[in-house]
Amino acid sequence: MVLKKTKISFTFSILFILLSLSPSYVSAKTFNVSNAAQFRIALESAALNGQDDTIILDAGTYKTTDDGGGTFKFFDKEKHDLIIKAKKGLTHNDVILDGDYKNGVFDYTNTKGAALVLDGITIKNGKAEIGGGVYCYSDKENYIDSRVTVTNSAIYGNSATDGGGFYCNASRVTVAGSSIFDNSATDGGAIYCDATRVTVTNSTIYGNTAAVSGGGIYCYVSSVTVANSTIYGNSSAEGRGGGIYCSGNVIITNSTISGNYAGGYSGGGGICSFGNVTVTKSAISENTVGRENGGGIYCAGVIKVASSTILENYAFKNGGGIYCYSDSDSNDESYVSVTNSTLSGNIAAGSGGAIYFYSNKDSYNRVTVTNSEIYGNTATDGRENGIYEGGTFKQATGVSCDFARSDFRLGVGPIAISKGLNPIHRLLKNDKR
């Protein structure tokens, strides 16, 4: 009987060892830390233990200079997730990772598509070449993307060449319930993403600056979705996209893009996209482009605006509210669709106070407006306060407007006031007398 028990115990011991050595065996480890040195040790241990890990930070400020170690770093070649979060009951006001204006704050590298979560912490005062606050690297060459989530957190006061607050490549990034503000960079004042899908929900991105493009968000070969969020007061001094610059598609839902500024070439005070832009139940307002086109939106693809307002934007040249174009060198279709929306108070120093559309394609040149109001817009050169459409092909299909269900009131002082025929004139009644 004793022999049998010993044999069973030995069997379970061997099984446990085999499971521990097996690559498919995954457990989780939790680290509780209260200072910078402990945090650094926890990161190093988590990267090597072959497990999913959680690091819980107690209240305090964790400076990269406290222990002389510089940037807090995590490097893992295995697919194990990492959560870094504030201790229960604490918020991002209590737990602070600080670069002390000398180092990037946090570098995360994973080449196997694992997940990173930053929850309930502040990341501030970072300074780096790339990703002043947070730098995330995945295996772009082999298209292995990480999943990065920033939730209930604040990222501010950081600077870099690319991505003042946050830099990420080849990843799926979610910013939720967070604020990213007062960061600066050459491109991407708040966020710079390369080959990444970015989703911003219930968050605020404001007061960030870019010397060139993407004051708020800069996305290269990427896409952006913004929902239930506000992007305001960001600026790009010499480039495009004061609020958002994106080479791919931009989706805005239940959000506000307001008070952003782009000072350089191309334009897009609020949004500049070389993909498609979809705006639903949102406000694009009081954005400015200082030298070029598209005060509210600049787009080289398809623009769809539904149940939204485009208000009081300004363009130094064309398209106070919206600027859209396509050319004969591109195979992509471009058009503007406005439904159940209002475009008002927009100003273009050139043409198209509300909308400017230009195309070199005879079959794609069109603007459609349905159930909408377009009024009080101004083009100071006198060409189309409301909608301007131009192109080199005479066969262009032109503008389609649903006059029966839309409002195209004239702005202040247009030359058409008190001119033309009275609506009850016999010529308008097809009276042939």
Protein backbone atom coordinates (compact mmCIF):
# COMPACT_ATOMS: atom_id res chain seq x y z
CA MET A 1 0.00 0.00 0.00
CA VAL A 2 2.85 2.39 0.90
CA LEU A 3 4.61 1.43 -2.34
CA LYS A 4 1.48 2.24 -4.35
CA LYS A 5 1.16 5.69 -2.73
CA THR A 6 4.82 6.39 -3.38
CA LYS A 7 4.44 5.38 -7.03
CA ILE A 8 1.39 7.67 -7.48
CA SER A 9 3.22 10.57 -5.82
CA PHE A 10 6.25 10.02 -8.05
CA THR A 11 4.01 9.92 -11.16
CA PHE A 12 2.38 13.26 -10.28
CA SER A 13 5.79 14.82 -9.61
CA ILE A 14 7.06 13.79 -13.05
CA LEU A 15 3.82 15.06 -14.67
CA PHE A 16 4.17 18.44 -12.91
CA ILE A 17 7.77 18.80 -14.12
CA LEU A 18 6.80 17.95 -17.69
CA LEU A 19 3.94 20.45 -17.66
CA SER A 20 6.23 23.12 -16.27
CA LEU A 21 8.74 22.58 -19.04
CA SER A 22 6.12 22.42 -21.78
CA PRO A 23 5.86 25.55 -23.97
CA SER A 24 2.07 25.31 -23.88
CA TYR A 25 1.98 25.55 -20.09
CA VAL A 26 1.10 29.11 -19.09
CA SER A 27 0.56 30.42 -15.58
CA ALA A 28 0.36 33.98 -14.32
CA LYS A 29 2.52 35.86 -11.88
CA THR A 30 1.76 39.06 -9.96
CA PHE A 31 4.36 41.55 -8.78
CA ASN A 32 3.56 44.20 -6.17
CA VAL A 33 5.98 47.11 -6.29
CA SER A 34 6.36 50.46 -4.55
CA ASN A 35 9.50 52.08 -6.01
CA ALA A 36 11.43 52.44 -9.25
CA ALA A 37 14.02 49.76 -8.47
CA GLN A 38 11.33 47.18 -7.68
CA PHE A 39 9.42 48.12 -10.82
CA ARG A 40 12.51 47.61 -12.97
CA ILE A 41 13.22 44.21 -11.39
CA ALA A 42 9.59 43.18 -11.92
CA LEU A 43 9.81 44.10 -15.63
CA GLU A 44 13.01 42.09 -16.07
CA SER A 45 11.58 39.08 -14.24
CA ALA A 46 8.29 39.22 -16.18
CA ALA A 47 10.16 39.19 -19.48
CA LEU A 48 12.00 35.98 -18.58
CA ASN A 49 9.58 33.85 -16.58
CA GLY A 50 7.58 32.45 -19.50
CA GLN A 51 4.24 33.52 -18.00
CA ASP A 52 1.53 36.13 -18.33
CA ASP A 53 2.31 38.80 -15.77
CA THR A 54 0.66 41.57 -13.79
CA ILE A 55 2.63 44.36 -12.15
CA ILE A 56 0.68 46.30 -9.52
CA LEU A 57 2.03 49.74 -8.66
CA ASP A 58 1.49 51.29 -5.24
CA ALA A 59 0.96 55.04 -4.89
CA GLY A 60 4.00 57.15 -5.72
CA THR A 61 6.14 58.68 -8.44
CA TYR A 62 8.46 56.25 -10.20
CA LYS A 63 11.19 58.29 -11.88
CA THR A 64 13.49 56.75 -14.46
CA THR A 65 16.35 58.55 -12.70
CA ASP A 66 15.60 57.27 -9.18
CA ASP A 67 17.88 54.24 -9.48
CA GLY A 68 20.05 55.46 -12.36
CA GLY A 69 18.61 52.84 -14.70
CA GLY A 70 17.03 55.17 -17.26
CA THR A 71 13.99 54.19 -19.31
CA PHE A 72 11.84 51.41 -17.86
CA LYS A 73 12.07 48.56 -20.39
CA PHE A 74 10.33 45.29 -21.16
CA PHE A 75 11.60 42.93 -23.87
CA ASP A 76 9.95 39.57 -24.50
CA LYS A 77 10.29 37.16 -27.43
CA GLU A 78 7.45 34.94 -26.21
CA LYS A 79 3.70 35.43 -26.50
CA HIS A 80 2.96 36.33 -22.90
CA ASP A 81 0.76 39.23 -21.88
CA LEU A 82 1.72 42.02 -19.52
CA ILE A 83 -0.57 44.18 -17.39
CA ILE A 84 0.78 47.21 -15.55
CA LYS A 85 -1.84 48.81 -13.34
CA ALA A 86 -2.46 50.92 -10.27
CA LYS A 87 -3.18 49.23 -6.99
CA LYS A 88 -6.87 48.75 -6.28
CA GLY A 89 -8.49 51.96 -5.10
CA LEU A 90 -5.87 54.20 -6.72
CA THR A 91 -6.14 56.27 -9.91
CA HIS A 92 -3.70 57.74 -12.40
CA ASN A 93 -3.39 60.75 -10.10
CA ASP A 94 -1.78 58.50 -7.49
CA VAL A 95 0.55 56.39 -9.66
CA ILE A 96 3.03 58.24 -11.87
CA LEU A 97 5.79 57.04 -14.17
CA ASP A 98 8.11 60.01 -14.74
CA GLY A 99 10.94 60.42 -17.29
CA ASP A 100 12.31 63.41 -15.38
CA TYR A 101 12.80 65.22 -18.75
CA LYS A 102 15.85 63.01 -19.37
CA ASN A 103 14.62 59.60 -20.59
CA GLY A 104 11.79 57.97 -22.46
CA VAL A 105 9.43 56.66 -19.80
CA PHE A 106 8.50 53.14 -20.93
CA ASP A 107 9.71 50.92 -23.79
CA TYR A 108 7.79 47.76 -24.64
CA THR A 109 9.04 45.23 -27.19
CA ASN A 110 7.29 41.99 -28.06
CA THR A 111 7.91 40.11 -31.31
CA LYS A 112 5.22 37.44 -30.89
CA GLY A 113 1.96 39.39 -30.81
CA ALA A 114 1.28 39.50 -27.09
CA ALA A 115 -0.86 42.07 -25.24
CA LEU A 116 0.13 45.05 -23.14
CA VAL A 117 -2.31 46.84 -20.82
CA LEU A 118 -1.54 50.11 -19.03
CA ASP A 119 -4.33 50.78 -16.56
CA GLY A 120 -4.79 53.67 -14.15
CA ILE A 121 -1.37 55.29 -14.39
CA THR A 122 0.17 58.61 -15.46
CA ILE A 123 3.10 58.74 -17.86
CA LYS A 124 4.81 62.12 -18.00
CA ASN A 125 7.96 64.14 -18.63
CA GLY A 126 9.51 61.64 -21.02
CA LYS A 127 12.05 62.62 -23.64
CA ALA A 128 13.24 60.30 -26.42
CA GLU A 129 13.93 60.08 -30.13
CA ILE A 130 10.85 57.89 -30.60
CA GLY A 131 7.95 57.60 -28.16
CA GLY A 132 8.68 60.09 -25.40
CA GLY A 133 6.07 58.64 -23.05
CA VAL A 134 5.46 55.13 -24.36
CA TYR A 135 7.33 53.24 -27.09
CA CYS A 136 5.81 49.98 -28.36
CA TYR A 137 7.51 47.78 -30.91
CA SER A 138 6.16 44.68 -32.61
CA ASP A 139 7.43 42.53 -35.49
CA LYS A 140 6.39 44.65 -38.44
CA GLU A 141 8.46 42.68 -40.96
CA ASN A 142 6.57 39.45 -40.25
CA TYR A 143 3.19 41.19 -39.70
CA ILE A 144 2.89 39.99 -36.13
CA ASP A 145 0.93 42.64 -34.28
CA SER A 146 0.74 43.25 -30.56
CA ARG A 147 -2.38 44.42 -28.76
CA VAL A 148 -1.82 47.57 -26.74
CA THR A 149 -4.47 49.07 -24.46
CA VAL A 150 -4.19 52.29 -22.48
CA THR A 151 -7.13 52.71 -20.14
CA ASN A 152 -8.06 55.14 -17.35
CA SER A 153 -4.68 56.79 -17.73
CA ALA A 154 -3.01 60.12 -18.53
CA ILE A 155 -0.06 60.74 -20.84
CA TYR A 156 1.30 64.29 -20.82
CA GLY A 157 4.35 66.53 -20.94
CA ASN A 158 6.39 64.15 -23.11
CA SER A 159 8.47 64.93 -26.22
CA ALA A 160 10.06 63.03 -29.11
CA THR A 161 10.84 63.25 -32.81
CA ASP A 162 8.05 60.74 -33.57
CA GLY A 163 5.21 60.28 -31.11
CA GLY A 164 5.61 62.73 -28.26
CA GLY A 165 3.19 60.91 -25.99
CA PHE A 166 2.97 57.48 -27.58
CA TYR A 167 4.60 55.59 -30.46
CA CYS A 168 3.46 52.22 -31.71
CA ASN A 169 4.11 50.04 -34.77
CA ALA A 170 2.46 46.91 -36.17
CA SER A 171 -0.12 46.81 -33.41
CA ARG A 172 -3.75 47.17 -32.52
CA VAL A 173 -3.94 50.13 -30.18
CA THR A 174 -6.89 51.08 -27.98
CA VAL A 175 -6.98 54.25 -25.90
CA ALA A 176 -10.01 54.16 -23.58
CA GLY A 177 -11.14 56.49 -20.82
CA SER A 178 -7.84 58.36 -20.97
CA SER A 179 -6.34 61.80 -21.63
CA ILE A 180 -3.30 62.54 -23.80
CA PHE A 181 -2.31 66.18 -23.65
CA ASP A 182 0.52 68.74 -23.79
CA ASN A 183 2.92 66.44 -25.62
CA SER A 184 5.16 67.53 -28.51
CA ALA A 185 6.95 65.95 -31.46
CA THR A 186 8.08 66.56 -35.02
CA ASP A 187 5.26 64.25 -36.19
CA GLY A 188 2.47 62.94 -33.99
CA GLY A 189 2.33 65.25 -30.99
CA ALA A 190 0.17 62.87 -28.94
CA ILE A 191 0.30 59.60 -30.90
CA TYR A 192 2.39 58.29 -33.80
CA CYS A 193 1.39 54.94 -35.29
CA ASP A 194 3.03 52.95 -38.08
CA ALA A 195 1.14 50.04 -39.69
CA THR A 196 -1.31 50.14 -36.80
CA ARG A 197 -5.06 50.19 -36.19
CA VAL A 198 -5.86 52.87 -33.62
CA THR A 199 -9.11 53.11 -31.68
CA VAL A 200 -9.79 56.03 -29.33
CA THR A 201 -12.90 55.73 -27.14
CA ASN A 202 -14.25 57.89 -24.31
CA SER A 203 -11.01 59.83 -24.30
CA THR A 204 -9.62 63.33 -24.79
CA ILE A 205 -6.62 64.33 -26.89
CA TYR A 206 -5.82 68.02 -26.55
CA GLY A 207 -3.12 70.68 -26.51
CA ASN A 208 -0.55 68.56 -28.32
CA THR A 209 1.82 70.04 -30.92
CA ALA A 210 3.70 68.74 -33.95
CA ALA A 211 6.38 70.75 -35.71
CA VAL A 212 5.31 69.13 -39.00
CA SER A 213 2.17 66.91 -39.17
CA GLY A 214 -0.40 65.26 -36.92
CA GLY A 215 -0.70 67.58 -33.93
CA GLY A 216 -2.98 65.09 -32.18
CA ILE A 217 -2.57 61.80 -34.07
CA TYR A 218 -0.20 60.84 -36.89
CA CYS A 219 -0.84 57.52 -38.60
CA TYR A 220 1.33 56.10 -41.38
CA VAL A 221 -0.06 53.13 -43.32
CA SER A 222 -2.63 52.95 -40.54
CA SER A 223 -6.27 53.62 -39.75
CA VAL A 224 -7.98 55.61 -36.98
CA THR A 225 -11.35 55.16 -35.29
CA VAL A 226 -12.51 57.80 -32.81
CA ALA A 227 -15.70 57.22 -30.80
CA ASN A 228 -17.29 59.19 -27.96
CA SER A 229 -14.16 61.30 -27.71
CA THR A 230 -12.86 64.84 -28.12
CA ILE A 231 -9.81 65.96 -30.08
CA TYR A 232 -9.27 69.67 -29.65
CA GLY A 233 -6.67 72.43 -29.49
CA ASN A 234 -3.92 70.45 -31.21
CA SER A 235 -1.63 71.96 -33.85
CA SER A 236 0.78 71.03 -36.63
CA ALA A 237 2.94 74.04 -37.38
CA GLU A 238 4.45 73.29 -40.79
CA GLY A 239 2.54 70.28 -42.06
CA ARG A 240 -0.99 68.88 -42.21
CA GLY A 241 -3.63 67.43 -39.96
CA GLY A 242 -3.88 69.66 -36.90
CA GLY A 243 -6.09 67.15 -35.12
CA ILE A 244 -5.50 63.97 -37.13
CA TYR A 245 -3.20 63.08 -40.01
CA CYS A 246 -3.72 59.64 -41.52
CA SER A 247 -2.55 57.95 -44.70
CA GLY A 248 -5.42 55.47 -44.33
CA ASN A 249 -9.07 55.61 -43.31
CA VAL A 250 -10.52 57.77 -40.55
CA ILE A 251 -13.83 57.00 -38.79
CA ILE A 252 -15.34 59.54 -36.38
CA THR A 253 -18.47 58.66 -34.37
CA ASN A 254 -20.22 60.60 -31.58
CA SER A 255 -17.15 62.78 -31.23
CA THR A 256 -15.90 66.35 -31.50
CA ILE A 257 -12.92 67.52 -33.55
CA SER A 258 -12.56 71.19 -32.66
CA GLY A 259 -10.17 74.12 -32.49
CA ASN A 260 -7.26 72.34 -34.17
CA TYR A 261 -4.76 74.12 -36.44
CA ALA A 262 -2.62 73.05 -39.42
CA GLY A 263 -0.16 75.61 -40.70
CA GLY A 264 1.61 73.94 -43.59
CA TYR A 265 1.14 72.24 -46.96
CA SER A 266 -1.92 70.22 -48.07
CA GLY A 267 -4.08 71.20 -45.11
CA GLY A 268 -6.74 69.66 -42.93
CA GLY A 269 -7.12 71.82 -39.85
CA GLY A 270 -9.21 69.14 -38.15
CA ILE A 271 -8.55 66.01 -40.22
CA CYS A 272 -6.20 65.25 -43.11
CA SER A 273 -6.63 61.82 -44.70
CA PHE A 274 -5.33 60.16 -47.84
CA GLY A 275 -7.83 57.36 -47.36
CA ASN A 276 -11.55 57.70 -46.69
CA VAL A 277 -13.22 59.78 -43.98
CA THR A 278 -16.53 58.83 -42.34
CA VAL A 279 -18.13 61.23 -39.86
CA THR A 280 -21.29 60.18 -38.01
CA LYS A 281 -23.17 62.00 -35.23
CA SER A 282 -20.17 64.26 -34.68
CA ALA A 283 -19.07 67.90 -34.79
CA ILE A 284 -16.15 69.21 -36.84
CA SER A 285 -15.87 72.83 -35.73
CA GLU A 286 -13.63 75.87 -35.46
CA ASN A 287 -10.62 74.19 -37.04
CA THR A 288 -8.19 76.26 -39.10
CA VAL A 289 -5.71 75.63 -41.90
CA GLY A 290 -3.29 78.52 -42.15
CA ARG A 291 -1.79 78.16 -45.61
CA GLU A 292 -3.69 75.60 -47.63
CA ASN A 293 -7.02 73.77 -48.03
CA GLY A 294 -9.69 72.07 -45.94
CA GLY A 295 -10.36 73.94 -42.73
CA GLY A 296 -12.41 71.12 -41.24
CA ILE A 297 -11.55 68.09 -43.39
CA TYR A 298 -9.01 67.52 -46.16
CA CYS A 299 -9.42 64.20 -47.97
CA ALA A 300 -8.05 62.50 -51.07
CA GLY A 301 -10.64 59.73 -50.93
CA VAL A 302 -14.32 59.38 -50.08
CA ILE A 303 -15.95 61.65 -47.50
CA LYS A 304 -19.23 60.58 -45.89
CA VAL A 305 -20.88 62.91 -43.40
CA ALA A 306 -24.09 61.81 -41.68
CA SER A 307 -26.11 63.36 -38.85
CA SER A 308 -23.25 65.73 -38.11
CA THR A 309 -22.31 69.39 -38.07
CA ILE A 310 -19.42 71.06 -39.93
CA LEU A 311 -19.30 74.51 -38.35
CA GLU A 312 -17.14 77.64 -38.45
CA ASN A 313 -14.00 76.13 -39.90
CA TYR A 314 -11.54 78.29 -41.87
CA ALA A 315 -9.27 77.59 -44.84
CA PHE A 316 -6.66 80.02 -46.15
CA LYS A 317 -7.34 78.72 -49.65
CA ASN A 318 -10.21 76.39 -50.60
CA GLY A 319 -12.83 74.35 -48.78
CA GLY A 320 -13.65 76.06 -45.51
CA GLY A 321 -15.60 73.07 -44.22
CA ILE A 322 -14.54 70.22 -46.54
CA TYR A 323 -11.89 69.88 -49.24
CA CYS A 324 -11.89 66.72 -51.36
CA TYR A 325 -9.99 65.87 -54.51
CA SER A 326 -8.96 63.05 -56.80
CA ASP A 327 -6.63 63.01 -59.78
CA SER A 328 -6.18 60.96 -62.93
CA ASP A 329 -3.10 59.23 -61.52
CA SER A 330 -5.17 57.40 -58.93
CA ASN A 331 -7.48 54.44 -59.52
CA ASP A 332 -9.47 55.18 -56.38
CA GLU A 333 -12.92 56.73 -56.46
CA SER A 334 -13.49 60.03 -54.66
CA TYR A 335 -16.77 61.73 -53.79
CA VAL A 336 -18.53 63.65 -51.02
CA SER A 337 -21.81 62.52 -49.45
CA VAL A 338 -23.62 64.70 -46.90
CA THR A 339 -26.80 63.39 -45.26
CA ASN A 340 -28.94 64.80 -42.42
CA SER A 341 -26.22 67.28 -41.58
CA THR A 342 -25.49 71.00 -41.26
CA LEU A 343 -22.62 72.95 -42.83
CA SER A 344 -22.66 76.52 -41.60
CA GLY A 345 -20.38 79.45 -40.86
CA ASN A 346 -17.40 77.97 -42.69
CA ILE A 347 -15.03 80.34 -44.49
CA ALA A 348 -12.64 79.81 -47.40
CA ALA A 349 -10.41 82.67 -48.48
CA GLY A 350 -10.46 80.98 -51.89
CA SER A 351 -13.40 78.94 -53.21
CA GLY A 352 -16.03 76.66 -51.69
CA GLY A 353 -16.99 78.08 -48.32
CA ALA A 354 -18.71 74.85 -47.25
CA ILE A 355 -17.38 72.23 -49.70
CA TYR A 356 -14.67 72.29 -52.36
CA PHE A 357 -14.46 69.26 -54.64
CA TYR A 358 -11.95 68.87 -57.46
CA SER A 359 -11.37 65.95 -59.79
CA ASN A 360 -9.56 65.13 -63.01
CA LYS A 361 -11.82 62.11 -63.51
CA ASP A 362 -14.88 62.43 -65.69
CA SER A 363 -16.82 59.63 -64.03
CA TYR A 364 -16.09 60.27 -60.37
CA ASN A 365 -16.65 63.98 -60.03
CA ARG A 366 -19.64 64.36 -57.70
CA VAL A 367 -21.06 65.79 -54.48
CA THR A 368 -24.34 64.54 -53.02
CA VAL A 369 -26.29 66.47 -50.37
CA THR A 370 -29.52 65.08 -48.86
CA ASN A 371 -31.77 66.23 -46.00
CA SER A 372 -29.17 68.79 -45.00
CA GLU A 373 -28.66 72.49 -44.37
CA ILE A 374 -25.88 74.45 -46.06
CA TYR A 375 -26.02 78.12 -45.15
CA GLY A 376 -24.00 81.09 -43.89
CA ASN A 377 -20.77 79.91 -45.48
CA THR A 378 -18.36 82.30 -47.19
CA ALA A 379 -15.88 82.11 -50.07
CA THR A 380 -14.14 85.46 -50.05
CA ASP A 381 -12.96 85.25 -53.66
CA GLY A 382 -16.61 85.11 -54.66
CA ARG A 383 -16.72 81.56 -56.06
CA GLU A 384 -19.39 79.43 -54.42
CA ASN A 385 -20.10 80.26 -50.81
CA GLY A 386 -21.72 76.83 -50.52
CA ILE A 387 -20.31 74.17 -52.86
CA TYR A 388 -17.57 74.54 -55.44
CA GLU A 389 -16.84 71.78 -57.90
CA GLY A 390 -14.06 71.86 -60.45
CA GLY A 391 -12.18 69.58 -62.79
CA THR A 392 -10.64 69.29 -66.21
CA PHE A 393 -13.21 66.91 -67.71
CA LYS A 394 -16.39 68.39 -69.13
CA GLN A 395 -18.20 65.07 -68.69
CA ALA A 396 -18.19 65.38 -64.91
CA THR A 397 -21.45 64.25 -63.35
CA GLY A 398 -21.52 67.31 -61.11
CA VAL A 399 -23.34 68.12 -57.91
CA SER A 400 -26.50 66.28 -56.90
CA CYS A 401 -28.61 68.04 -54.29
CA ASP A 402 -31.98 67.07 -52.86
CA PHE A 403 -33.50 70.55 -52.92
CA ALA A 404 -36.91 69.35 -51.75
CA ARG A 405 -35.54 68.13 -48.45
CA SER A 406 -32.53 70.41 -47.91
CA ASP A 407 -31.87 74.03 -46.98
CA PHE A 408 -29.40 76.03 -49.07
CA ARG A 409 -29.87 79.47 -47.56
CA LEU A 410 -27.53 82.17 -48.77
CA GLY A 411 -24.87 83.68 -46.54
CA VAL A 412 -24.54 87.31 -45.59
CA GLY A 413 -24.22 89.67 -48.55
CA PRO A 414 -24.22 87.34 -51.60
CA ILE A 415 -24.80 89.01 -54.93
CA ALA A 416 -27.95 86.95 -55.55
CA ILE A 417 -30.03 88.66 -52.87
CA SER A 418 -33.01 90.53 -54.37
CA LYS A 419 -32.00 89.40 -57.86
CA GLY A 420 -33.57 87.07 -60.40
CA LEU A 421 -37.23 86.17 -60.83
CA ASN A 422 -39.91 86.19 -58.21
CA PRO A 423 -40.94 82.59 -57.31
CA ILE A 424 -44.51 83.34 -58.62
CA HIS A 425 -43.25 84.75 -61.93
CA ARG A 426 -45.07 83.27 -64.91
CA LEU A 427 -41.82 81.93 -66.41
CA LEU A 428 -41.33 79.73 -63.38
CA LYS A 429 -44.89 78.45 -63.81
CA ASN A 430 -44.21 77.43 -67.40
CA ASP A 431 -46.68 80.11 -68.52
CA LYS A 432 -46.13 80.58 -72.27
CA ARG A 433 -48.11 83.81 -72.69
